[in-house]
C-alpha atoms as a PDB file:
ATOM      1  CA  MET A   1     131.132 121.690 139.108  1.00  0.00           C
ATOM      2  CA  PRO A   2     133.763 118.810 138.046  1.00  0.00           C
ATOM      3  CA  ASN A   3     132.554 116.807 135.337  1.00  0.00           C
ATOM      4  CA  PRO A   4     131.394 113.415 136.178  1.00  0.00           C
ATOM      5  CA  THR A   5     133.912 110.355 135.718  1.00  0.00           C
ATOM      6  CA  ILE A   6     132.974 106.832 134.900  1.00  0.00           C
ATOM      7  CA  THR A   7     134.127 104.387 137.783  1.00  0.00           C
ATOM      8  CA  GLY A   8     136.770 102.303 136.316  1.00  0.00           C
ATOM      9  CA  SER A   9     138.661 103.066 132.817  1.00  0.00           C
ATOM     10  CA  THR A  10     136.914 100.756 130.871  1.00  0.00           C
ATOM     11  CA  TYR A  11     133.941  98.453 130.967  1.00  0.00           C
ATOM     12  CA  ALA A  12     133.947  95.264 128.456  1.00  0.00           C
ATOM     13  CA  GLY A  13     130.953  93.290 129.919  1.00  0.00           C
ATOM     14  CA  GLU A  14     131.532  89.731 130.003  1.00  0.00           C
ATOM     15  CA  PHE A  15     127.553  89.637 129.523  1.00  0.00           C
ATOM     16  CA  ALA A  16     127.822  91.235 126.149  1.00  0.00           C
ATOM     17  CA  GLY A  17     125.642  88.779 124.635  1.00  0.00           C
ATOM     18  CA  LYS A  18     122.747  89.720 126.967  1.00  0.00           C
ATOM     19  CA  TYR A  19     123.230  93.469 126.162  1.00  0.00           C
ATOM     20  CA  LEU A  20     123.203  92.602 121.995  1.00  0.00           C
ATOM     21  CA  GLY A  21     120.184  90.088 123.087  1.00  0.00           C
ATOM     22  CA  ALA A  22     118.199  92.670 124.537  1.00  0.00           C
ATOM     23  CA  ALA A  23     119.109  95.207 121.522  1.00  0.00           C
ATOM     24  CA  LEU A  24     118.415  93.235 118.845  1.00  0.00           C
ATOM     25  CA  LEU A  25     115.330  91.084 120.148  1.00  0.00           C
ATOM     26  CA  SER A  26     113.549  94.532 121.555  1.00  0.00           C
ATOM     27  CA  ALA A  27     112.899  95.083 117.926  1.00  0.00           C
ATOM     28  CA  ASP A  28     109.185  94.723 117.845  1.00  0.00           C
ATOM     29  CA  THR A  29     108.925  91.611 115.235  1.00  0.00           C
ATOM     30  CA  LEU A  30     111.795  89.856 117.015  1.00  0.00           C
ATOM     31  CA  ASP A  31     110.589  91.009 120.617  1.00  0.00           C
ATOM     32  CA  LYS A  32     106.622  89.306 119.958  1.00  0.00           C
ATOM     33  CA  GLY A  33     108.235  86.522 117.661  1.00  0.00           C
ATOM     34  CA  ALA A  34     106.154  87.517 114.659  1.00  0.00           C
ATOM     35  CA  ILE A  35     108.991  85.587 112.633  1.00  0.00           C
ATOM     36  CA  SER A  36     111.106  82.581 112.995  1.00  0.00           C
ATOM     37  CA  ILE A  37     114.653  83.441 114.903  1.00  0.00           C
ATOM     38  CA  LEU A  38     117.613  81.441 113.769  1.00  0.00           C
ATOM     39  CA  PRO A  39     120.490  82.281 116.678  1.00  0.00           C
ATOM     40  CA  ASN A  40     124.118  81.465 116.963  1.00  0.00           C
ATOM     41  CA  ILE A  41     124.892  81.271 113.070  1.00  0.00           C
ATOM     42  CA  LYS A  42     128.624  81.393 113.144  1.00  0.00           C
ATOM     43  CA  TYR A  43     129.215  82.440 109.290  1.00  0.00           C
ATOM     44  CA  LYS A  44     126.086  81.686 107.161  1.00  0.00           C
ATOM     45  CA  ALA A  45     122.774  79.321 107.249  1.00  0.00           C
ATOM     46  CA  ALA A  46     121.915  77.066 103.975  1.00  0.00           C
ATOM     47  CA  MET A  47     117.892  76.416 104.384  1.00  0.00           C
ATOM     48  CA  LYS A  48     117.060  73.794 102.196  1.00  0.00           C
ATOM     49  CA  VAL A  49     113.445  74.023 100.366  1.00  0.00           C
ATOM     50  CA  GLY A  50     112.102  70.737  98.908  1.00  0.00           C
ATOM     51  CA  ALA A  51     109.247  70.535  96.304  1.00  0.00           C
ATOM     52  CA  PHE A  52     107.603  67.165  95.841  1.00  0.00           C
ATOM     53  CA  SER A  53     106.063  66.153  92.386  1.00  0.00           C
ATOM     54  CA  ASN A  54     103.842  62.946  91.518  1.00  0.00           C
ATOM     55  CA  LEU A  55     104.415  62.020  95.019  1.00  0.00           C
ATOM     56  CA  VAL A  56     100.948  59.676  95.040  1.00  0.00           C
ATOM     57  CA  ARG A  57      99.912  57.444  92.214  1.00  0.00           C
ATOM     58  CA  SER A  58      97.900  54.380  91.765  1.00  0.00           C
ATOM     59  CA  ALA A  59      98.885  51.343  93.416  1.00  0.00           C
ATOM     60  CA  ASP A  60     100.531  48.204  91.794  1.00  0.00           C
ATOM     61  CA  CYS A  61     102.712  45.425  92.899  1.00  0.00           C
ATOM     62  CA  ASP A  62     105.813  47.278  91.733  1.00  0.00           C
ATOM     63  CA  PHE A  63     108.195  49.870  93.441  1.00  0.00           C
ATOM     64  CA  ASP A  64     108.769  52.704  91.081  1.00  0.00           C
ATOM     65  CA  SER A  65     110.271  56.022  91.921  1.00  0.00           C
ATOM     66  CA  SER A  66     110.930  57.248  88.145  1.00  0.00           C
ATOM     67  CA  THR A  67     107.608  59.255  88.331  1.00  0.00           C
ATOM     68  CA  SER A  68     108.045  61.078  92.000  1.00  0.00           C
ATOM     69  CA  GLY A  69     110.434  63.408  92.458  1.00  0.00           C
ATOM     70  CA  LEU A  70     111.626  65.883  95.097  1.00  0.00           C
ATOM     71  CA  THR A  71     113.487  68.960  94.154  1.00  0.00           C
ATOM     72  CA  LEU A  72     115.731  71.064  96.621  1.00  0.00           C
ATOM     73  CA  THR A  73     116.680  74.357  96.340  1.00  0.00           C
ATOM     74  CA  GLU A  74     118.878  76.357  98.685  1.00  0.00           C
ATOM     75  CA  LYS A  75     118.416  79.712 100.674  1.00  0.00           C
ATOM     76  CA  VAL A  76     121.352  81.362 102.204  1.00  0.00           C
ATOM     77  CA  LEU A  77     120.994  83.249 105.142  1.00  0.00           C
ATOM     78  CA  THR A  78     124.133  85.466 105.566  1.00  0.00           C
ATOM     79  CA  PRO A  79     124.175  87.776 108.608  1.00  0.00           C
ATOM     80  CA  THR A  80     125.719  90.936 107.965  1.00  0.00           C
ATOM     81  CA  GLU A  81     128.618  92.316 110.343  1.00  0.00           C
ATOM     82  CA  LEU A  82     127.471  95.613 112.214  1.00  0.00           C
ATOM     83  CA  GLN A  83     128.719  97.734 114.613  1.00  0.00           C
ATOM     84  CA  VAL A  84     128.388 100.840 116.716  1.00  0.00           C
ATOM     85  CA  ASN A  85     131.099 103.654 117.179  1.00  0.00           C
ATOM     86  CA  LEU A  86     129.848 106.364 119.431  1.00  0.00           C
ATOM     87  CA  GLN A  87     131.809 109.071 121.120  1.00  0.00           C
ATOM     88  CA  VAL A  88     129.693 111.443 123.691  1.00  0.00           C
ATOM     89  CA  CYS A  89     131.216 114.004 126.064  1.00  0.00           C
ATOM     90  CA  LYS A  90     130.507 113.731 129.615  1.00  0.00           C
ATOM     91  CA  LYS A  91     129.503 116.944 129.885  1.00  0.00           C
ATOM     92  CA  GLU A  92     126.480 115.572 127.825  1.00  0.00           C
ATOM     93  CA  LEU A  93     125.688 112.947 129.918  1.00  0.00           C
ATOM     94  CA  HIS A  94     125.301 115.316 133.282  1.00  0.00           C
ATOM     95  CA  SER A  95     121.987 116.414 133.014  1.00  0.00           C
ATOM     96  CA  ASP A  96     120.614 113.219 131.659  1.00  0.00           C
ATOM     97  CA  TRP A  97     122.160 110.937 134.193  1.00  0.00           C
ATOM     98  CA  GLU A  98     123.648 112.205 137.310  1.00  0.00           C
ATOM     99  CA  ALA A  99     120.805 114.745 137.979  1.00  0.00           C
ATOM    100  CA  ALA A 100     118.251 111.632 137.794  1.00  0.00           C
ATOM    101  CA  GLN A 101     120.470 109.300 139.553  1.00  0.00           C
ATOM    102  CA  MET A 102     122.111 111.502 142.317  1.00  0.00           C
ATOM    103  CA  GLY A 103     119.159 114.095 143.211  1.00  0.00           C
ATOM    104  CA  PHE A 104     120.850 116.651 145.555  1.00  0.00           C
ATOM    105  CA  SER A 105     124.095 114.921 146.515  1.00  0.00           C
ATOM    106  CA  ALA A 106     127.258 117.035 146.655  1.00  0.00           C
ATOM    107  CA  PHE A 107     129.179 114.198 145.381  1.00  0.00           C
ATOM    108  CA  ASP A 108     129.837 114.484 141.400  1.00  0.00           C
ATOM    109  CA  GLU A 109     131.234 110.643 140.826  1.00  0.00           C
ATOM    110  CA  LEU A 110     129.072 108.791 138.484  1.00  0.00           C
ATOM    111  CA  PRO A 111     127.106 105.446 140.053  1.00  0.00           C
ATOM    112  CA  PRO A 112     128.792 102.174 139.116  1.00  0.00           C
ATOM    113  CA  LEU A 113     126.205 101.358 136.490  1.00  0.00           C
ATOM    114  CA  PHE A 114     126.559 104.290 134.400  1.00  0.00           C
ATOM    115  CA  SER A 115     128.052 101.761 131.763  1.00  0.00           C
ATOM    116  CA  ASP A 116     124.228  99.806 131.944  1.00  0.00           C
ATOM    117  CA  TYR A 117     122.543 103.499 131.312  1.00  0.00           C
ATOM    118  CA  VAL A 118     124.931 104.164 128.275  1.00  0.00           C
ATOM    119  CA  ILE A 119     124.182 100.882 126.660  1.00  0.00           C
ATOM    120  CA  ALA A 120     120.306 100.659 127.401  1.00  0.00           C
ATOM    121  CA  ARG A 121     120.171 103.706 125.535  1.00  0.00           C
ATOM    122  CA  VAL A 122     122.593 102.788 122.789  1.00  0.00           C
ATOM    123  CA  ALA A 123     120.771  99.233 122.598  1.00  0.00           C
ATOM    124  CA  ALA A 124     117.420 101.031 122.251  1.00  0.00           C
ATOM    125  CA  GLU A 125     118.653 102.593 119.014  1.00  0.00           C
ATOM    126  CA  VAL A 126     120.056  99.552 117.534  1.00  0.00           C
ATOM    127  CA  ALA A 127     116.637  97.894 118.262  1.00  0.00           C
ATOM    128  CA  LYS A 128     115.015 100.396 116.373  1.00  0.00           C
ATOM    129  CA  ALA A 129     117.211 100.321 113.582  1.00  0.00           C
ATOM    130  CA  THR A 130     116.849  96.494 113.446  1.00  0.00           C
ATOM    131  CA  GLU A 131     113.533  96.698 112.932  1.00  0.00           C
ATOM    132  CA  VAL A 132     113.668  99.308 110.020  1.00  0.00           C
ATOM    133  CA  SER A 133     116.382  96.886 108.292  1.00  0.00           C
ATOM    134  CA  ILE A 134     114.428  93.366 108.852  1.00  0.00           C
ATOM    135  CA  TRP A 135     111.587  94.963 106.379  1.00  0.00           C
ATOM    136  CA  GLN A 136     113.013  97.782 104.020  1.00  0.00           C
ATOM    137  CA  GLY A 137     116.689  97.617 104.387  1.00  0.00           C
ATOM    138  CA  SER A 138     118.649  97.127 101.482  1.00  0.00           C
ATOM    139  CA  ALA A 139     122.610  96.420 101.710  1.00  0.00           C
ATOM    140  CA  GLY A 140     124.780  99.093 102.261  1.00  0.00           C
ATOM    141  CA  GLU A 141     126.240 101.360 105.177  1.00  0.00           C
ATOM    142  CA  GLY A 142     124.704  99.826 108.666  1.00  0.00           C
ATOM    143  CA  SER A 143     122.056  98.001 107.059  1.00  0.00           C
ATOM    144  CA  PHE A 144     121.216  94.466 105.447  1.00  0.00           C
ATOM    145  CA  ASP A 145     118.472  93.311 102.989  1.00  0.00           C
ATOM    146  CA  GLY A 146     115.345  93.202 104.403  1.00  0.00           C
ATOM    147  CA  PHE A 147     112.011  91.595 103.405  1.00  0.00           C
ATOM    148  CA  GLU A 148     110.873  93.882 101.075  1.00  0.00           C
ATOM    149  CA  THR A 149     113.939  93.977  99.028  1.00  0.00           C
ATOM    150  CA  LEU A 150     114.257  90.191  99.093  1.00  0.00           C
ATOM    151  CA  LEU A 151     110.801  89.491  98.543  1.00  0.00           C
ATOM    152  CA  ALA A 152     110.681  92.047  95.342  1.00  0.00           C
ATOM    153  CA  ALA A 153     113.596  90.404  93.568  1.00  0.00           C
ATOM    154  CA  ASP A 154     112.113  86.865  94.151  1.00  0.00           C
ATOM    155  CA  THR A 155     109.800  86.099  90.687  1.00  0.00           C
ATOM    156  CA  ASP A 156     107.681  83.174  93.004  1.00  0.00           C
ATOM    157  CA  VAL A 157     106.613  85.606  95.082  1.00  0.00           C
ATOM    158  CA  VAL A 158     103.091  86.629  94.459  1.00  0.00           C
ATOM    159  CA  ASP A 159     102.904  90.359  94.017  1.00  0.00           C
ATOM    160  CA  VAL A 160     100.127  92.675  94.479  1.00  0.00           C
ATOM    161  CA  THR A 161     100.101  96.260  93.238  1.00  0.00           C
ATOM    162  CA  ALA A 162      99.345  98.623  96.387  1.00  0.00           C
ATOM    163  CA  GLY A 163      97.630 101.987  96.503  1.00  0.00           C
ATOM    164  CA  THR A 164      97.406 104.793  98.839  1.00  0.00           C
ATOM    165  CA  VAL A 165      95.817 103.161 101.772  1.00  0.00           C
ATOM    166  CA  THR A 166      92.927 105.489 103.614  1.00  0.00           C
ATOM    167  CA  THR A 167      90.208 104.821 105.847  1.00  0.00           C
ATOM    168  CA  ALA A 168      87.958 104.491 102.854  1.00  0.00           C
ATOM    169  CA  ASN A 169      89.702 101.985 100.743  1.00  0.00           C
ATOM    170  CA  VAL A 170      91.574 100.068 103.450  1.00  0.00           C
ATOM    171  CA  ILE A 171      89.083  96.970 103.337  1.00  0.00           C
ATOM    172  CA  ALA A 172      89.156  97.080  99.640  1.00  0.00           C
ATOM    173  CA  GLU A 173      92.985  96.967  99.839  1.00  0.00           C
ATOM    174  CA  LEU A 174      93.040  94.315 102.468  1.00  0.00           C
ATOM    175  CA  GLN A 175      90.781  92.176 100.522  1.00  0.00           C
ATOM    176  CA  LYS A 176      93.323  92.139  97.410  1.00  0.00           C
ATOM    177  CA  ILE A 177      95.980  90.699  99.648  1.00  0.00           C
ATOM    178  CA  VAL A 178      93.739  87.988 100.987  1.00  0.00           C
ATOM    179  CA  ASP A 179      92.512  87.065  97.856  1.00  0.00           C
ATOM    180  CA  ALA A 180      96.310  86.553  96.248  1.00  0.00           C
ATOM    181  CA  ILE A 181      96.711  84.027  99.212  1.00  0.00           C
ATOM    182  CA  PRO A 182      97.695  80.874  97.803  1.00  0.00           C
ATOM    183  CA  SER A 183      94.999  78.304  98.791  1.00  0.00           C
ATOM    184  CA  GLY A 184      97.444  75.914 100.289  1.00  0.00           C
ATOM    185  CA  VAL A 185      99.033  78.834 102.616  1.00  0.00           C
ATOM    186  CA  TYR A 186      95.169  79.885 103.606  1.00  0.00           C
ATOM    187  CA  GLY A 187      94.048  78.777 106.650  1.00  0.00           C
ATOM    188  CA  LYS A 188      97.736  77.742 108.309  1.00  0.00           C
ATOM    189  CA  GLU A 189      97.697  78.596 111.913  1.00  0.00           C
ATOM    190  CA  ASP A 190     100.666  81.155 111.783  1.00  0.00           C
ATOM    191  CA  LEU A 191      99.558  82.693 108.434  1.00  0.00           C
ATOM    192  CA  THR A 192     100.122  86.610 109.324  1.00  0.00           C
ATOM    193  CA  ILE A 193      99.674  89.819 107.554  1.00  0.00           C
ATOM    194  CA  TYR A 194     102.022  92.221 108.421  1.00  0.00           C
ATOM    195  CA  ILE A 195     101.235  95.738 107.792  1.00  0.00           C
ATOM    196  CA  SER A 196     102.683  99.653 108.026  1.00  0.00           C
ATOM    197  CA  GLN A 197     101.620 101.614 110.652  1.00  0.00           C
ATOM    198  CA  ASN A 198      99.690 103.842 108.115  1.00  0.00           C
ATOM    199  CA  ILE A 199      97.343 100.893 107.138  1.00  0.00           C
ATOM    200  CA  ALA A 200      96.917  99.799 110.837  1.00  0.00           C
ATOM    201  CA  LYS A 201      96.076 103.319 111.520  1.00  0.00           C
ATOM    202  CA  ALA A 202      93.626 103.427 108.429  1.00  0.00           C
ATOM    203  CA  TYR A 203      92.354 100.018 109.454  1.00  0.00           C
ATOM    204  CA  VAL A 204      91.284 101.084 113.188  1.00  0.00           C
ATOM    205  CA  GLY A 205      89.335 104.227 111.724  1.00  0.00           C
ATOM    206  CA  ALA A 206      87.455 101.678 109.303  1.00  0.00           C
ATOM    207  CA  GLN A 207      86.699  99.593 112.204  1.00  0.00           C
ATOM    208  CA  ALA A 208      85.616 102.546 114.010  1.00  0.00           C
ATOM    209  CA  ALA A 209      83.280 104.268 111.328  1.00  0.00           C
ATOM    210  CA  LEU A 210      81.549 100.885 110.899  1.00  0.00           C
ATOM    211  CA  GLY A 211      80.879 100.506 114.469  1.00  0.00           C
ATOM    212  CA  TYR A 212      83.062  97.700 115.557  1.00  0.00           C
ATOM    213  CA  ARG A 213      85.801  99.776 117.843  1.00  0.00           C
ATOM    214  CA  ASP A 214      84.800 102.635 120.489  1.00  0.00           C
ATOM    215  CA  LEU A 215      85.557 105.420 118.726  1.00  0.00           C
ATOM    216  CA  TYR A 216      86.965 106.899 122.350  1.00  0.00           C
ATOM    217  CA  HIS A 217      88.287 103.403 123.438  1.00  0.00           C
ATOM    218  CA  VAL A 218      91.616 104.041 125.109  1.00  0.00           C
ATOM    219  CA  GLY A 219      94.073 101.034 124.409  1.00  0.00           C
ATOM    220  CA  GLN A 220      94.351  98.644 121.625  1.00  0.00           C
ATOM    221  CA  THR A 221      93.361  94.902 121.216  1.00  0.00           C
ATOM    222  CA  GLU A 222      95.142  92.510 118.607  1.00  0.00           C
ATOM    223  CA  MET A 223      93.983  93.387 115.148  1.00  0.00           C
ATOM    224  CA  ASN A 224      92.741  90.364 112.161  1.00  0.00           C
ATOM    225  CA  PHE A 225      91.055  90.590 109.160  1.00  0.00           C
ATOM    226  CA  GLN A 226      88.610  87.971 108.543  1.00  0.00           C
ATOM    227  CA  GLY A 227      90.560  85.873 111.009  1.00  0.00           C
ATOM    228  CA  ILE A 228      93.866  86.187 109.692  1.00  0.00           C
ATOM    229  CA  PRO A 229      96.132  88.048 112.247  1.00  0.00           C
ATOM    230  CA  LEU A 230      97.566  91.724 111.385  1.00  0.00           C
ATOM    231  CA  PHE A 231     101.028  92.493 112.893  1.00  0.00           C
ATOM    232  CA  ALA A 232     101.529  95.795 112.625  1.00  0.00           C
ATOM    233  CA  THR A 233     105.329  97.440 112.412  1.00  0.00           C
ATOM    234  CA  GLY A 234     107.033 100.555 111.902  1.00  0.00           C
ATOM    235  CA  GLY A 235     109.573  98.747 110.099  1.00  0.00           C
ATOM    236  CA  LEU A 236     107.402  98.362 106.877  1.00  0.00           C
ATOM    237  CA  ALA A 237     107.270 101.289 104.426  1.00  0.00           C
ATOM    238  CA  ASP A 238     104.130 102.876 104.484  1.00  0.00           C
ATOM    239  CA  ASN A 239     101.314 101.360 101.924  1.00  0.00           C
ATOM    240  CA  THR A 240     103.163  97.686 102.138  1.00  0.00           C
ATOM    241  CA  ALA A 241     102.164  94.580 103.339  1.00  0.00           C
ATOM    242  CA  VAL A 242     103.321  91.021 103.495  1.00  0.00           C
ATOM    243  CA  ALA A 243     101.314  88.044 103.859  1.00  0.00           C
ATOM    244  CA  ALA A 244     103.141  85.144 104.974  1.00  0.00           C
ATOM    245  CA  GLN A 245     103.442  82.145 107.594  1.00  0.00           C
ATOM    246  CA  LYS A 246     105.766  82.938 110.605  1.00  0.00           C
ATOM    247  CA  SER A 247     107.566  79.650 109.719  1.00  0.00           C
ATOM    248  CA  ASN A 248     108.288  80.984 106.302  1.00  0.00           C
ATOM    249  CA  LEU A 249     110.057  84.204 107.609  1.00  0.00           C
ATOM    250  CA  PHE A 250     113.527  83.970 109.276  1.00  0.00           C
ATOM    251  CA  PHE A 251     115.812  86.421 111.246  1.00  0.00           C
ATOM    252  CA  GLY A 252     119.725  85.279 111.714  1.00  0.00           C
ATOM    253  CA  THR A 253     122.007  86.218 114.181  1.00  0.00           C
ATOM    254  CA  GLY A 254     125.496  85.238 115.759  1.00  0.00           C
ATOM    255  CA  LEU A 255     124.057  86.421 119.298  1.00  0.00           C
ATOM    256  CA  LEU A 256     126.809  84.149 121.232  1.00  0.00           C
ATOM    257  CA  ASP A 257     129.314  84.130 118.047  1.00  0.00           C
ATOM    258  CA  ASP A 258     132.605  85.398 119.331  1.00  0.00           C
ATOM    259  CA  ARG A 259     132.635  88.452 116.947  1.00  0.00           C
ATOM    260  CA  ASN A 260     129.770  89.957 119.217  1.00  0.00           C
ATOM    261  CA  GLU A 261     131.134  92.737 121.448  1.00  0.00           C
ATOM    262  CA  VAL A 262     129.902  95.798 123.871  1.00  0.00           C
ATOM    263  CA  LYS A 263     132.194  98.276 125.323  1.00  0.00           C
ATOM    264  CA  VAL A 264     131.996 101.442 127.241  1.00  0.00           C
ATOM    265  CA  ILE A 265     135.387 103.129 127.367  1.00  0.00           C
ATOM    266  CA  ASP A 266     136.230 106.260 129.505  1.00  0.00           C
ATOM    267  CA  MET A 267     138.852 107.930 127.639  1.00  0.00           C
ATOM    268  CA  ALA A 268     140.204 110.211 130.431  1.00  0.00           C
ATOM    269  CA  ASP A 269     143.411 108.097 131.332  1.00  0.00           C
ATOM    270  CA  LEU A 270     144.200 107.501 127.606  1.00  0.00           C
ATOM    271  CA  ASP A 271     143.970 111.089 126.347  1.00  0.00           C
ATOM    272  CA  GLY A 272     143.113 113.355 129.290  1.00  0.00           C
ATOM    273  CA  SER A 273     139.484 113.925 127.532  1.00  0.00           C
ATOM    274  CA  GLN A 274     136.186 114.009 128.673  1.00  0.00           C
ATOM    275  CA  ASN A 275     135.060 111.631 126.024  1.00  0.00           C
ATOM    276  CA  VAL A 276     133.493 108.494 126.376  1.00  0.00           C
ATOM    277  CA  ARG A 277     132.855 105.608 123.600  1.00  0.00           C
ATOM    278  CA  VAL A 278     130.430 103.356 123.186  1.00  0.00           C
ATOM    279  CA  VAL A 279     131.167 100.032 120.810  1.00  0.00           C
ATOM    280  CA  MET A 280     129.073  97.557 119.770  1.00  0.00           C
ATOM    281  CA  ARG A 281     129.775  94.653 116.967  1.00  0.00           C
ATOM    282  CA  TYR A 282     127.079  92.050 116.217  1.00  0.00           C
ATOM    283  CA  THR A 283     125.719  90.523 113.288  1.00  0.00           C
ATOM    284  CA  ALA A 284     122.008  90.273 111.633  1.00  0.00           C
ATOM    285  CA  GLY A 285     119.956  89.410 108.663  1.00  0.00           C
ATOM    286  CA  VAL A 286     116.761  87.969 107.001  1.00  0.00           C
ATOM    287  CA  GLN A 287     115.711  85.750 104.605  1.00  0.00           C
ATOM    288  CA  HIS A 288     112.457  83.759 103.355  1.00  0.00           C
ATOM    289  CA  GLY A 289     111.938  80.585 102.501  1.00  0.00           C
ATOM    290  CA  ILE A 290     109.298  79.396  99.656  1.00  0.00           C
ATOM    291  CA  GLY A 291     108.791  82.558  97.935  1.00  0.00           C
ATOM    292  CA  SER A 292     105.418  81.136  96.145  1.00  0.00           C
ATOM    293  CA  ASP A 293     103.909  80.976  99.622  1.00  0.00           C
ATOM    294  CA  ILE A 294     104.261  84.741 100.163  1.00  0.00           C
ATOM    295  CA  VAL A 295     102.190  87.821  98.811  1.00  0.00           C
ATOM    296  CA  LEU A 296     104.182  91.042  98.812  1.00  0.00           C
ATOM    297  CA  TYR A 297     101.603  94.177  98.562  1.00  0.00           C
ATOM    298  CA  ALA A 298     103.828  96.584  97.390  1.00  0.00           C
END
């Protein structure tokens, strides 16, 4: 049976930004708005962090600014340039795509939206990689410094030593995190405790054991601990958690930047092969604001 062919030799979508938007923003943390998103960063974004001192003083008849001050520090978010270079043989796509789309048809030409199918498959993998990089990424091949790396390097961040979390001790471990949250942050509307999947699993088990959750209930309700929302993410390493305000954690990308690119190229007309190449180029990175308002359990 002949191999499938792509209608048109090359697809370079004019809606590349939309595909990249789907790929990046479908990462769970971004898709659910769990942190602040800064789009359209051309090169880098400088965030000013201000700290006031002696702002209020006893009243008199004079204006005296010498006792009050504002100290500004700067945090820079520089998205990393990333890319996908994938080559697959059309034979390998035949069973996955054509059988599903063409049924028992005798015609072997791929449907015109084949390029969308390929991009969607790649975008799903990009989203998964982005989620991991956001939290436990480190500068290197195909990644950028994630929050675990950045927070560990910031001496202002409140550190809590983590243990191996189990159903038996998860309540006590979460209590350590809450106890370490600065008083000025505790009670803020957007305060969230971001937890790894193994902590989430242990917490659900502990709730069930205590009778607060149906052992056999199918489905999942939103979790919280003492009124503070818990956000479970597969991006965090096991036995790791972060307590912070959503407005203090930032993800940046040049989503509409000229460097963003999505292409599906049929190589048949170029080198006579049966290969298809997929190219994506985009930028992504994270940064936090005030380190002293954040708790890292690691």
